[in-house]
Amino acid sequence: MPTPDPRTPICIARGQLADLQKSIADLDEGEICYAFDEKATYVKHNDTLQRVNYVDFDTLPGVPSADEYDIMQASGGKWIGKNAINGGNF
């Protein structure tokens, strides 16, 4: 599939959390950041960086467990595990 044209590339602010916090005035409200040292994603909200919550899907009811590289697919309002879709072409 070719790259869409026109397109707008997304660039996420990234760096050490302390550096991101020091330069928070340079970030726009709602801007997404990634802190390498925390291995976490943050969003600027009301002049603070708020960590985006991590969800452990293995602990949610109705979600089957998945191994690395498994694909989860919504089907009929439920999540089902698949390890190949369309012959492995995703």
C-alpha atoms as a PDB file:
ATOM      1  CA  MET A   1       0.000   0.000   0.000  1.00  0.00           C
ATOM      2  CA  PRO A   2       1.552   3.348  -0.954  1.00  0.00           C
ATOM      3  CA  THR A   3       2.082   6.183   1.510  1.00  0.00           C
ATOM      4  CA  PRO A   4      -0.979   8.468   1.525  1.00  0.00           C
ATOM      5  CA  ASP A   5      -0.546  11.839  -0.105  1.00  0.00           C
ATOM      6  CA  PRO A   6      -1.049  14.402   1.326  1.00  0.00           C
ATOM      7  CA  ARG A   7      -0.141  13.310   4.832  1.00  0.00           C
ATOM      8  CA  THR A   8       0.907  14.956   8.066  1.00  0.00           C
ATOM      9  CA  PRO A   9       3.714  13.197   9.894  1.00  0.00           C
ATOM     10  CA  ILE A  10       3.395  12.997  13.668  1.00  0.00           C
ATOM     11  CA  CYS A  11       6.458  13.830  15.741  1.00  0.00           C
ATOM     12  CA  ILE A  12       6.266  13.152  19.480  1.00  0.00           C
ATOM     13  CA  ALA A  13       8.370  15.213  21.891  1.00  0.00           C
ATOM     14  CA  ARG A  14      10.843  12.884  23.569  1.00  0.00           C
ATOM     15  CA  GLY A  15      13.678  12.962  26.058  1.00  0.00           C
ATOM     16  CA  GLN A  16      14.416  12.451  29.741  1.00  0.00           C
ATOM     17  CA  LEU A  17      11.422  13.248  31.971  1.00  0.00           C
ATOM     18  CA  ALA A  18      13.335  15.950  33.864  1.00  0.00           C
ATOM     19  CA  ASP A  19      14.237  17.673  30.586  1.00  0.00           C
ATOM     20  CA  LEU A  20      10.635  17.502  29.345  1.00  0.00           C
ATOM     21  CA  GLN A  21       9.418  19.013  32.619  1.00  0.00           C
ATOM     22  CA  LYS A  22      12.009  21.821  32.448  1.00  0.00           C
ATOM     23  CA  SER A  23      10.858  22.766  28.960  1.00  0.00           C
ATOM     24  CA  ILE A  24       7.136  22.295  29.524  1.00  0.00           C
ATOM     25  CA  ALA A  25       6.461  25.869  28.379  1.00  0.00           C
ATOM     26  CA  ASP A  26       7.645  24.819  24.902  1.00  0.00           C
ATOM     27  CA  LEU A  27       4.944  22.125  24.703  1.00  0.00           C
ATOM     28  CA  ASP A  28       1.400  22.815  23.528  1.00  0.00           C
ATOM     29  CA  GLU A  29      -1.617  21.852  25.615  1.00  0.00           C
ATOM     30  CA  GLY A  30      -2.483  18.230  24.811  1.00  0.00           C
ATOM     31  CA  GLU A  31       0.908  17.506  23.254  1.00  0.00           C
ATOM     32  CA  ILE A  32       2.165  13.945  23.603  1.00  0.00           C
ATOM     33  CA  CYS A  33       5.637  13.283  25.050  1.00  0.00           C
ATOM     34  CA  TYR A  34       7.712  10.162  25.603  1.00  0.00           C
ATOM     35  CA  ALA A  35      10.189   9.954  28.499  1.00  0.00           C
ATOM     36  CA  PHE A  36      13.023   7.558  27.669  1.00  0.00           C
ATOM     37  CA  ASP A  37      14.099   7.082  31.291  1.00  0.00           C
ATOM     38  CA  GLU A  38      10.563   6.238  32.444  1.00  0.00           C
ATOM     39  CA  LYS A  39       9.635   4.320  29.285  1.00  0.00           C
ATOM     40  CA  ALA A  40       6.296   6.112  29.567  1.00  0.00           C
ATOM     41  CA  THR A  41       4.066   8.406  27.565  1.00  0.00           C
ATOM     42  CA  TYR A  42       2.886  11.739  28.964  1.00  0.00           C
ATOM     43  CA  VAL A  43       0.406  14.405  27.844  1.00  0.00           C
ATOM     44  CA  LYS A  44       0.634  18.087  28.754  1.00  0.00           C
ATOM     45  CA  HIS A  45      -2.505  19.046  30.641  1.00  0.00           C
ATOM     46  CA  ASN A  46      -2.935  22.301  32.596  1.00  0.00           C
ATOM     47  CA  ASP A  47       0.813  23.022  32.489  1.00  0.00           C
ATOM     48  CA  THR A  48       1.770  19.629  33.921  1.00  0.00           C
ATOM     49  CA  LEU A  49       2.842  16.364  32.330  1.00  0.00           C
ATOM     50  CA  GLN A  50       0.334  13.650  33.120  1.00  0.00           C
ATOM     51  CA  ARG A  51       1.337  10.060  32.584  1.00  0.00           C
ATOM     52  CA  VAL A  52      -0.860   8.112  30.199  1.00  0.00           C
ATOM     53  CA  ASN A  53      -2.283   5.163  32.116  1.00  0.00           C
ATOM     54  CA  TYR A  54      -1.035   1.695  31.361  1.00  0.00           C
ATOM     55  CA  VAL A  55      -3.697  -0.952  30.910  1.00  0.00           C
ATOM     56  CA  ASP A  56      -2.809  -4.599  31.495  1.00  0.00           C
ATOM     57  CA  PHE A  57      -5.215  -6.296  29.104  1.00  0.00           C
ATOM     58  CA  ASP A  58      -4.479  -9.693  30.651  1.00  0.00           C
ATOM     59  CA  THR A  59      -6.335  -8.589  33.791  1.00  0.00           C
ATOM     60  CA  LEU A  60      -9.463  -7.303  32.036  1.00  0.00           C
ATOM     61  CA  PRO A  61     -12.478  -9.611  32.041  1.00  0.00           C
ATOM     62  CA  GLY A  62     -13.429 -10.997  28.645  1.00  0.00           C
ATOM     63  CA  VAL A  63      -9.998 -10.451  27.109  1.00  0.00           C
ATOM     64  CA  PRO A  64      -8.150 -13.679  26.325  1.00  0.00           C
ATOM     65  CA  SER A  65      -4.476 -13.911  27.188  1.00  0.00           C
ATOM     66  CA  ALA A  66      -2.063 -13.209  24.363  1.00  0.00           C
ATOM     67  CA  ASP A  67       1.532 -14.122  23.724  1.00  0.00           C
ATOM     68  CA  GLU A  68       4.099 -11.791  22.219  1.00  0.00           C
ATOM     69  CA  TYR A  69       3.316 -11.075  18.541  1.00  0.00           C
ATOM     70  CA  ASP A  70      -0.255 -12.351  18.869  1.00  0.00           C
ATOM     71  CA  ILE A  71      -2.922 -10.148  17.347  1.00  0.00           C
ATOM     72  CA  MET A  72      -6.123  -9.263  19.174  1.00  0.00           C
ATOM     73  CA  GLN A  73      -9.142  -8.668  16.986  1.00  0.00           C
ATOM     74  CA  ALA A  74     -12.585  -7.312  17.854  1.00  0.00           C
ATOM     75  CA  SER A  75     -15.344  -9.630  16.724  1.00  0.00           C
ATOM     76  CA  GLY A  76     -19.004  -9.271  17.639  1.00  0.00           C
ATOM     77  CA  GLY A  77     -18.258  -6.992  20.592  1.00  0.00           C
ATOM     78  CA  LYS A  78     -15.631  -9.371  22.017  1.00  0.00           C
ATOM     79  CA  TRP A  79     -11.859  -9.635  21.726  1.00  0.00           C
ATOM     80  CA  ILE A  80     -10.522 -12.781  20.146  1.00  0.00           C
ATOM     81  CA  GLY A  81      -6.894 -13.822  19.800  1.00  0.00           C
ATOM     82  CA  LYS A  82      -5.447 -14.412  16.362  1.00  0.00           C
ATOM     83  CA  ASN A  83      -1.890 -15.201  15.396  1.00  0.00           C
ATOM     84  CA  ALA A  84      -2.399 -14.604  11.693  1.00  0.00           C
ATOM     85  CA  ILE A  85      -4.762 -12.452   9.704  1.00  0.00           C
ATOM     86  CA  ASN A  86      -5.021 -12.537   5.924  1.00  0.00           C
ATOM     87  CA  GLY A  87      -2.233 -15.091   5.671  1.00  0.00           C
ATOM     88  CA  GLY A  88       0.024 -13.036   7.916  1.00  0.00           C
ATOM     89  CA  ASN A  89      -0.345  -9.853   5.862  1.00  0.00           C
ATOM     90  CA  PHE A  90      -1.577  -7.249   8.319  1.00  0.00           C
END
